[in-house]
Amino acid sequence: MKILYICTHNRCRSILSEAITNHVAGDRIIAKSAGSQPSGEVHPLSIHYLKEANISVDGLQSQSWNEFEDFKPDVVVTVCDSAAAEACPLWFGHSVKVHWGLADPSKIEGTEEEKAQGFRACIAEITERVNKLVLIAEKNLAPAEYKTELAKLGAQ
């Protein structure tokens, strides 16, 4: 299964999702991330808290979804509400599209501990969802069946 995580700026939630998926799923799922309007840099706290969780940050970068036309994802997961509302490129046409709607820990204004709690909670939520995705990937379903299985997990 190939998954492309989309967030408008591709600097936090989609980056976290890519790294966690590749860490948890091994070769059962290939994950990438991109944005419609990439910021060009990964949020430093995304890197910090991935490292804290012993998740590789090698190769993570903020990039445009236009760079993934040849990737041909089976599933496109939007992780922010603004990306979910955007018109996706035509080449996503054969992909199953779902929405996770994750809270953005990079928007937390508060103490360092409050920021840490936000990032750790987001990482835990993504990890829980990815563990369920692995179960779907292991079923060797036809891509047309992904939408039904993902809906059972709460994806919209």
N, C-alpha and C. Protein backbone atom coordinates (compact mmCIF):
# COMPACT_ATOMS: atom_id res chain seq x y z
N MET A 1 0.85 -1.17 0.00
CA MET A 1 0.00 0.00 0.00
C MET A 1 0.90 1.24 0.00
N LYS A 2 0.55 2.21 -0.81
CA LYS A 2 1.26 3.48 -0.85
C LYS A 2 0.32 4.58 -0.39
N ILE A 3 0.81 5.39 0.55
CA ILE A 3 0.01 6.47 1.12
C ILE A 3 0.73 7.80 0.95
N LEU A 4 -0.04 8.81 0.56
CA LEU A 4 0.48 10.18 0.51
C LEU A 4 -0.32 11.01 1.50
N TYR A 5 0.38 11.55 2.50
CA TYR A 5 -0.25 12.42 3.49
C TYR A 5 -0.15 13.86 2.99
N ILE A 6 -1.28 14.56 3.05
CA ILE A 6 -1.35 15.94 2.56
C ILE A 6 -1.74 16.89 3.69
N CYS A 7 -0.98 17.95 3.83
CA CYS A 7 -1.31 19.07 4.71
C CYS A 7 -0.88 20.32 3.94
N THR A 8 -1.60 21.37 4.06
CA THR A 8 -1.36 22.56 3.24
C THR A 8 0.13 22.94 3.19
N HIS A 9 0.76 23.08 4.35
CA HIS A 9 2.14 23.56 4.39
C HIS A 9 3.19 22.47 4.50
N ASN A 10 2.77 21.23 4.73
CA ASN A 10 3.69 20.08 4.80
C ASN A 10 4.90 20.40 5.68
N ARG A 11 4.59 20.76 6.95
CA ARG A 11 5.70 21.06 7.86
C ARG A 11 5.55 20.41 9.22
N CYS A 12 4.34 19.86 9.51
CA CYS A 12 4.14 19.27 10.83
C CYS A 12 3.36 17.96 10.75
N ARG A 13 2.02 18.02 10.70
CA ARG A 13 1.20 16.82 10.79
C ARG A 13 1.44 15.81 9.68
N SER A 14 1.57 16.26 8.46
CA SER A 14 1.83 15.32 7.36
C SER A 14 3.23 14.74 7.47
N ILE A 15 4.17 15.54 7.92
CA ILE A 15 5.54 15.07 8.14
C ILE A 15 5.56 14.01 9.24
N LEU A 16 4.88 14.30 10.36
CA LEU A 16 4.79 13.34 11.45
C LEU A 16 4.16 12.03 10.94
N SER A 17 3.11 12.14 10.16
CA SER A 17 2.41 10.95 9.64
C SER A 17 3.31 10.12 8.74
N GLU A 18 4.05 10.78 7.86
CA GLU A 18 4.98 10.07 6.98
C GLU A 18 6.02 9.31 7.79
N ALA A 19 6.67 10.00 8.72
CA ALA A 19 7.74 9.38 9.50
C ALA A 19 7.22 8.23 10.36
N ILE A 20 6.10 8.43 11.01
CA ILE A 20 5.54 7.40 11.88
C ILE A 20 5.09 6.19 11.06
N THR A 21 4.46 6.43 9.93
CA THR A 21 4.00 5.31 9.09
C THR A 21 5.19 4.48 8.63
N ASN A 22 6.21 5.13 8.14
CA ASN A 22 7.38 4.38 7.66
C ASN A 22 8.08 3.65 8.80
N HIS A 23 8.05 4.22 9.99
CA HIS A 23 8.67 3.58 11.16
C HIS A 23 7.85 2.35 11.60
N VAL A 24 6.55 2.52 11.73
CA VAL A 24 5.68 1.46 12.25
C VAL A 24 5.42 0.37 11.22
N ALA A 25 5.19 0.76 9.99
CA ALA A 25 4.72 -0.19 8.98
C ALA A 25 5.82 -0.95 8.26
N GLY A 26 7.04 -0.47 8.37
CA GLY A 26 8.11 -1.15 7.64
C GLY A 26 7.83 -1.15 6.16
N ASP A 27 7.97 -2.30 5.51
CA ASP A 27 7.75 -2.36 4.06
C ASP A 27 6.30 -2.67 3.69
N ARG A 28 5.41 -2.76 4.66
CA ARG A 28 3.99 -3.03 4.37
C ARG A 28 3.28 -1.81 3.81
N ILE A 29 3.76 -0.62 4.19
CA ILE A 29 3.20 0.63 3.69
C ILE A 29 4.37 1.54 3.34
N ILE A 30 4.28 2.18 2.19
CA ILE A 30 5.25 3.20 1.79
C ILE A 30 4.54 4.54 1.92
N ALA A 31 5.06 5.39 2.78
CA ALA A 31 4.42 6.68 3.03
C ALA A 31 5.30 7.83 2.58
N LYS A 32 4.65 8.83 2.03
CA LYS A 32 5.27 10.10 1.65
C LYS A 32 4.36 11.21 2.16
N SER A 33 4.85 12.43 2.16
CA SER A 33 3.99 13.56 2.52
C SER A 33 4.30 14.74 1.62
N ALA A 34 3.28 15.61 1.49
CA ALA A 34 3.41 16.77 0.62
C ALA A 34 2.38 17.82 1.02
N GLY A 35 2.52 18.99 0.41
CA GLY A 35 1.58 20.07 0.67
C GLY A 35 1.18 20.78 -0.60
N SER A 36 0.01 21.41 -0.55
CA SER A 36 -0.44 22.20 -1.70
C SER A 36 0.34 23.51 -1.77
N GLN A 37 0.74 24.02 -0.60
CA GLN A 37 1.53 25.25 -0.51
C GLN A 37 2.65 25.02 0.50
N PRO A 38 3.61 24.16 0.17
CA PRO A 38 4.63 23.78 1.14
C PRO A 38 5.44 24.97 1.65
N SER A 39 5.75 24.92 2.94
CA SER A 39 6.52 26.00 3.55
C SER A 39 7.99 25.94 3.18
N GLY A 40 8.44 24.77 2.74
CA GLY A 40 9.84 24.62 2.39
C GLY A 40 10.72 24.19 3.53
N GLU A 41 10.16 24.10 4.74
CA GLU A 41 10.93 23.63 5.88
C GLU A 41 10.05 22.82 6.82
N VAL A 42 10.65 21.82 7.43
CA VAL A 42 9.96 21.02 8.42
C VAL A 42 10.00 21.77 9.75
N HIS A 43 8.89 21.79 10.46
CA HIS A 43 8.84 22.48 11.76
C HIS A 43 9.87 21.84 12.69
N PRO A 44 10.71 22.64 13.33
CA PRO A 44 11.78 22.08 14.18
C PRO A 44 11.27 21.19 15.31
N LEU A 45 10.10 21.50 15.84
CA LEU A 45 9.58 20.65 16.92
C LEU A 45 9.08 19.30 16.39
N SER A 46 8.70 19.25 15.12
CA SER A 46 8.36 17.95 14.52
C SER A 46 9.58 17.05 14.55
N ILE A 47 10.70 17.59 14.15
CA ILE A 47 11.96 16.84 14.15
C ILE A 47 12.33 16.44 15.59
N HIS A 48 12.23 17.39 16.49
CA HIS A 48 12.61 17.15 17.89
C HIS A 48 11.81 16.00 18.50
N TYR A 49 10.48 16.04 18.33
CA TYR A 49 9.66 15.03 19.00
C TYR A 49 9.65 13.69 18.26
N LEU A 50 9.92 13.69 16.98
CA LEU A 50 10.13 12.40 16.30
C LEU A 50 11.40 11.74 16.83
N LYS A 51 12.47 12.52 16.96
CA LYS A 51 13.72 11.98 17.51
C LYS A 51 13.51 11.48 18.94
N GLU A 52 12.75 12.25 19.73
CA GLU A 52 12.47 11.84 21.11
C GLU A 52 11.79 10.46 21.13
N ALA A 53 10.94 10.21 20.13
CA ALA A 53 10.22 8.93 20.03
C ALA A 53 11.04 7.86 19.31
N ASN A 54 12.30 8.16 19.03
CA ASN A 54 13.20 7.22 18.33
C ASN A 54 12.69 6.85 16.94
N ILE A 55 12.15 7.85 16.25
CA ILE A 55 11.66 7.68 14.87
C ILE A 55 12.60 8.44 13.95
N SER A 56 13.03 7.79 12.90
CA SER A 56 13.98 8.39 11.96
C SER A 56 13.40 9.64 11.30
N VAL A 57 14.25 10.64 11.16
CA VAL A 57 13.86 11.87 10.47
C VAL A 57 14.63 12.01 9.15
N ASP A 58 15.38 10.97 8.79
CA ASP A 58 16.17 11.00 7.55
C ASP A 58 15.26 11.22 6.33
N GLY A 59 15.63 12.17 5.52
CA GLY A 59 14.93 12.42 4.27
C GLY A 59 13.65 13.21 4.37
N LEU A 60 13.24 13.59 5.57
CA LEU A 60 12.00 14.36 5.70
C LEU A 60 12.22 15.77 5.16
N GLN A 61 11.27 16.21 4.33
CA GLN A 61 11.35 17.55 3.78
C GLN A 61 9.97 18.05 3.40
N SER A 62 9.81 19.34 3.44
CA SER A 62 8.56 19.97 3.03
C SER A 62 8.59 20.14 1.52
N GLN A 63 7.60 19.53 0.86
CA GLN A 63 7.60 19.56 -0.60
C GLN A 63 6.19 19.62 -1.17
N SER A 64 6.10 19.98 -2.41
CA SER A 64 4.83 20.14 -3.10
C SER A 64 4.25 18.81 -3.54
N TRP A 65 2.94 18.72 -3.52
CA TRP A 65 2.27 17.52 -4.02
C TRP A 65 2.51 17.32 -5.51
N ASN A 66 2.93 18.37 -6.20
CA ASN A 66 3.24 18.24 -7.63
C ASN A 66 4.44 17.34 -7.88
N GLU A 67 5.23 17.11 -6.86
CA GLU A 67 6.41 16.25 -7.00
C GLU A 67 6.07 14.76 -6.92
N PHE A 68 4.79 14.44 -6.72
CA PHE A 68 4.40 13.04 -6.50
C PHE A 68 3.48 12.48 -7.57
N GLU A 69 3.48 13.10 -8.72
CA GLU A 69 2.63 12.60 -9.80
C GLU A 69 2.97 11.16 -10.16
N ASP A 70 4.24 10.80 -10.13
CA ASP A 70 4.66 9.44 -10.47
C ASP A 70 4.58 8.47 -9.30
N PHE A 71 4.30 8.94 -8.10
CA PHE A 71 4.21 8.08 -6.92
C PHE A 71 2.98 7.17 -6.98
N LYS A 72 1.88 7.67 -7.52
CA LYS A 72 0.63 6.93 -7.68
C LYS A 72 0.19 6.27 -6.36
N PRO A 73 -0.19 7.11 -5.37
CA PRO A 73 -0.60 6.55 -4.08
C PRO A 73 -1.92 5.79 -4.19
N ASP A 74 -2.04 4.73 -3.40
CA ASP A 74 -3.31 4.02 -3.30
C ASP A 74 -4.29 4.84 -2.47
N VAL A 75 -3.74 5.51 -1.45
CA VAL A 75 -4.56 6.29 -0.52
C VAL A 75 -3.92 7.66 -0.33
N VAL A 76 -4.76 8.71 -0.38
CA VAL A 76 -4.34 10.07 -0.06
C VAL A 76 -5.09 10.45 1.22
N VAL A 77 -4.32 10.80 2.26
CA VAL A 77 -4.90 11.16 3.55
C VAL A 77 -4.63 12.63 3.81
N THR A 78 -5.69 13.43 3.88
CA THR A 78 -5.51 14.82 4.29
C THR A 78 -5.54 14.84 5.82
N VAL A 79 -4.62 15.61 6.40
CA VAL A 79 -4.53 15.64 7.86
C VAL A 79 -4.91 17.00 8.44
N CYS A 80 -5.18 17.98 7.58
CA CYS A 80 -5.66 19.27 8.06
C CYS A 80 -6.92 19.64 7.30
N ASP A 81 -7.80 20.38 7.97
CA ASP A 81 -9.08 20.71 7.37
C ASP A 81 -8.96 21.57 6.12
N SER A 82 -7.98 22.48 6.10
CA SER A 82 -7.85 23.33 4.91
C SER A 82 -7.42 22.52 3.70
N ALA A 83 -6.54 21.54 3.88
CA ALA A 83 -6.14 20.69 2.76
C ALA A 83 -7.30 19.82 2.29
N ALA A 84 -8.14 19.40 3.22
CA ALA A 84 -9.29 18.56 2.85
C ALA A 84 -10.26 19.32 1.95
N ALA A 85 -10.30 20.64 2.10
CA ALA A 85 -11.23 21.45 1.32
C ALA A 85 -10.67 21.85 -0.05
N GLU A 86 -9.39 21.61 -0.27
CA GLU A 86 -8.76 22.01 -1.53
C GLU A 86 -9.03 21.01 -2.64
N ALA A 87 -9.03 21.51 -3.86
CA ALA A 87 -9.15 20.63 -5.02
C ALA A 87 -7.80 19.96 -5.26
N CYS A 88 -7.81 18.64 -5.27
CA CYS A 88 -6.57 17.89 -5.45
C CYS A 88 -6.21 17.82 -6.94
N PRO A 89 -4.95 17.63 -7.24
CA PRO A 89 -4.53 17.47 -8.63
C PRO A 89 -5.25 16.28 -9.28
N LEU A 90 -5.47 16.36 -10.56
CA LEU A 90 -6.17 15.30 -11.29
C LEU A 90 -5.51 13.94 -11.14
N TRP A 91 -4.19 13.93 -11.00
CA TRP A 91 -3.51 12.65 -10.93
C TRP A 91 -3.78 11.89 -9.64
N PHE A 92 -4.50 12.52 -8.65
CA PHE A 92 -4.97 11.79 -7.46
C PHE A 92 -6.26 11.03 -7.78
N GLY A 93 -6.76 11.17 -8.99
CA GLY A 93 -8.07 10.64 -9.36
C GLY A 93 -8.28 9.17 -9.07
N HIS A 94 -7.26 8.36 -9.15
CA HIS A 94 -7.41 6.92 -8.92
C HIS A 94 -7.13 6.52 -7.47
N SER A 95 -6.77 7.49 -6.65
CA SER A 95 -6.47 7.21 -5.24
C SER A 95 -7.73 7.31 -4.39
N VAL A 96 -7.79 6.50 -3.35
CA VAL A 96 -8.84 6.64 -2.35
C VAL A 96 -8.47 7.84 -1.50
N LYS A 97 -9.43 8.74 -1.26
CA LYS A 97 -9.14 9.93 -0.48
C LYS A 97 -9.91 9.87 0.84
N VAL A 98 -9.19 10.08 1.94
CA VAL A 98 -9.81 10.11 3.26
C VAL A 98 -9.23 11.29 4.05
N HIS A 99 -9.93 11.64 5.13
CA HIS A 99 -9.51 12.78 5.95
C HIS A 99 -9.37 12.34 7.41
N TRP A 100 -8.22 12.70 8.02
CA TRP A 100 -8.00 12.39 9.43
C TRP A 100 -8.26 13.57 10.35
N GLY A 101 -8.08 14.77 9.91
CA GLY A 101 -8.35 15.95 10.75
C GLY A 101 -7.61 15.96 12.08
N LEU A 102 -6.30 16.00 12.03
CA LEU A 102 -5.48 16.03 13.25
C LEU A 102 -5.32 17.46 13.77
N ALA A 103 -5.31 17.60 15.09
CA ALA A 103 -5.03 18.91 15.70
C ALA A 103 -3.57 19.27 15.40
N ASP A 104 -3.31 20.55 15.18
CA ASP A 104 -1.97 21.01 14.82
C ASP A 104 -1.16 21.40 16.05
N PRO A 105 -0.21 20.55 16.47
CA PRO A 105 0.57 20.90 17.65
C PRO A 105 1.49 22.09 17.44
N SER A 106 1.81 22.42 16.19
CA SER A 106 2.71 23.55 15.94
C SER A 106 2.02 24.89 16.19
N LYS A 107 0.71 24.87 16.37
CA LYS A 107 -0.04 26.11 16.63
C LYS A 107 -0.22 26.38 18.12
N ILE A 108 0.24 25.48 18.94
CA ILE A 108 0.08 25.65 20.39
C ILE A 108 0.95 26.80 20.88
N GLU A 109 0.30 27.74 21.55
CA GLU A 109 1.02 28.83 22.19
C GLU A 109 0.90 28.62 23.68
N GLY A 110 2.00 28.45 24.31
CA GLY A 110 1.98 28.18 25.74
C GLY A 110 3.36 27.81 26.20
N THR A 111 3.41 27.09 27.30
CA THR A 111 4.68 26.69 27.86
C THR A 111 5.32 25.60 26.99
N GLU A 112 6.60 25.38 27.23
CA GLU A 112 7.29 24.30 26.51
C GLU A 112 6.63 22.96 26.82
N GLU A 113 6.18 22.78 28.05
CA GLU A 113 5.52 21.53 28.43
C GLU A 113 4.19 21.35 27.69
N GLU A 114 3.45 22.43 27.51
CA GLU A 114 2.18 22.35 26.76
C GLU A 114 2.44 22.00 25.30
N LYS A 115 3.49 22.57 24.73
CA LYS A 115 3.86 22.23 23.36
C LYS A 115 4.28 20.77 23.27
N ALA A 116 5.07 20.33 24.23
CA ALA A 116 5.53 18.93 24.26
C ALA A 116 4.33 17.99 24.35
N GLN A 117 3.38 18.32 25.21
CA GLN A 117 2.19 17.48 25.36
C GLN A 117 1.41 17.41 24.05
N GLY A 118 1.32 18.54 23.34
CA GLY A 118 0.60 18.58 22.07
C GLY A 118 1.27 17.70 21.02
N PHE A 119 2.58 17.79 20.91
CA PHE A 119 3.30 16.97 19.93
C PHE A 119 3.23 15.49 20.31
N ARG A 120 3.41 15.20 21.58
CA ARG A 120 3.36 13.79 22.01
C ARG A 120 1.97 13.20 21.78
N ALA A 121 0.93 13.98 22.04
CA ALA A 121 -0.44 13.50 21.82
C ALA A 121 -0.70 13.26 20.33
N CYS A 122 -0.22 14.15 19.49
CA CYS A 122 -0.40 14.00 18.05
C CYS A 122 0.35 12.75 17.56
N ILE A 123 1.57 12.56 18.02
CA ILE A 123 2.35 11.38 17.63
C ILE A 123 1.64 10.11 18.09
N ALA A 124 1.09 10.12 19.30
CA ALA A 124 0.37 8.94 19.81
C ALA A 124 -0.87 8.65 18.96
N GLU A 125 -1.61 9.70 18.59
CA GLU A 125 -2.81 9.51 17.77
C GLU A 125 -2.46 8.96 16.39
N ILE A 126 -1.44 9.51 15.78
CA ILE A 126 -1.02 9.02 14.46
C ILE A 126 -0.55 7.57 14.57
N THR A 127 0.21 7.27 15.59
CA THR A 127 0.71 5.90 15.77
C THR A 127 -0.44 4.91 15.91
N GLU A 128 -1.45 5.28 16.67
CA GLU A 128 -2.63 4.42 16.84
C GLU A 128 -3.31 4.18 15.49
N ARG A 129 -3.47 5.23 14.70
CA ARG A 129 -4.12 5.09 13.39
C ARG A 129 -3.27 4.27 12.43
N VAL A 130 -1.96 4.47 12.47
CA VAL A 130 -1.07 3.72 11.58
C VAL A 130 -1.08 2.23 11.94
N ASN A 131 -1.13 1.92 13.22
CA ASN A 131 -1.22 0.51 13.61
C ASN A 131 -2.45 -0.15 12.99
N LYS A 132 -3.54 0.59 12.90
CA LYS A 132 -4.75 0.07 12.25
C LYS A 132 -4.58 0.00 10.73
N LEU A 133 -3.87 0.96 10.16
CA LEU A 133 -3.60 0.93 8.72
C LEU A 133 -2.79 -0.31 8.34
N VAL A 134 -1.87 -0.67 9.20
CA VAL A 134 -1.05 -1.86 8.94
C VAL A 134 -1.94 -3.10 8.81
N LEU A 135 -2.96 -3.19 9.64
CA LEU A 135 -3.89 -4.33 9.56
C LEU A 135 -4.60 -4.36 8.21
N ILE A 136 -4.94 -3.20 7.69
CA ILE A 136 -5.57 -3.12 6.36
C ILE A 136 -4.57 -3.53 5.29
N ALA A 137 -3.36 -3.02 5.39
CA ALA A 137 -2.34 -3.34 4.40
C ALA A 137 -2.05 -4.83 4.36
N GLU A 138 -2.10 -5.48 5.52
CA GLU A 138 -1.81 -6.91 5.59
C GLU A 138 -2.90 -7.78 4.97
N LYS A 139 -4.08 -7.21 4.75
CA LYS A 139 -5.19 -7.96 4.16
C LYS A 139 -5.03 -8.13 2.65
N ASN A 140 -4.09 -7.40 2.06
CA ASN A 140 -3.88 -7.46 0.60
C ASN A 140 -5.17 -7.23 -0.18
N LEU A 141 -5.87 -6.17 0.18
CA LEU A 141 -7.13 -5.82 -0.47
C LEU A 141 -6.88 -5.15 -1.82
N ALA A 142 -7.91 -5.18 -2.63
CA ALA A 142 -7.89 -4.38 -3.85
C ALA A 142 -8.05 -2.92 -3.43
N PRO A 143 -7.42 -1.99 -4.14
CA PRO A 143 -7.53 -0.58 -3.77
C PRO A 143 -8.98 -0.09 -3.59
N ALA A 144 -9.90 -0.64 -4.36
CA ALA A 144 -11.30 -0.22 -4.25
C ALA A 144 -11.88 -0.55 -2.87
N GLU A 145 -11.30 -1.50 -2.18
CA GLU A 145 -11.79 -1.91 -0.87
C GLU A 145 -11.21 -1.07 0.27
N TYR A 146 -10.22 -0.28 -0.01
CA TYR A 146 -9.58 0.52 1.03
C TYR A 146 -10.55 1.49 1.70
N LYS A 147 -11.38 2.14 0.90
CA LYS A 147 -12.28 3.17 1.42
C LYS A 147 -13.18 2.59 2.52
N THR A 148 -13.75 1.43 2.27
CA THR A 148 -14.63 0.80 3.25
C THR A 148 -13.87 0.46 4.53
N GLU A 149 -12.68 -0.11 4.38
CA GLU A 149 -11.89 -0.49 5.54
C GLU A 149 -11.43 0.75 6.32
N LEU A 150 -11.06 1.79 5.61
CA LEU A 150 -10.62 3.01 6.27
C LEU A 150 -11.78 3.68 7.01
N ALA A 151 -12.98 3.62 6.45
CA ALA A 151 -14.16 4.19 7.10
C ALA A 151 -14.45 3.47 8.42
N LYS A 152 -14.21 2.16 8.44
CA LYS A 152 -14.40 1.39 9.67
C LYS A 152 -13.49 1.89 10.79
N LEU A 153 -12.35 2.48 10.40
CA LEU A 153 -11.39 2.99 11.37
C LEU A 153 -11.67 4.44 11.76
N GLY A 154 -12.72 5.03 11.18
CA GLY A 154 -13.08 6.39 11.53
C GLY A 154 -12.61 7.45 10.57
N ALA A 155 -11.95 7.05 9.48
CA ALA A 155 -11.53 8.04 8.48
C ALA A 155 -12.76 8.55 7.76
N GLN A 156 -12.75 9.83 7.45
CA GLN A 156 -13.91 10.42 6.77
C GLN A 156 -13.71 10.45 5.28
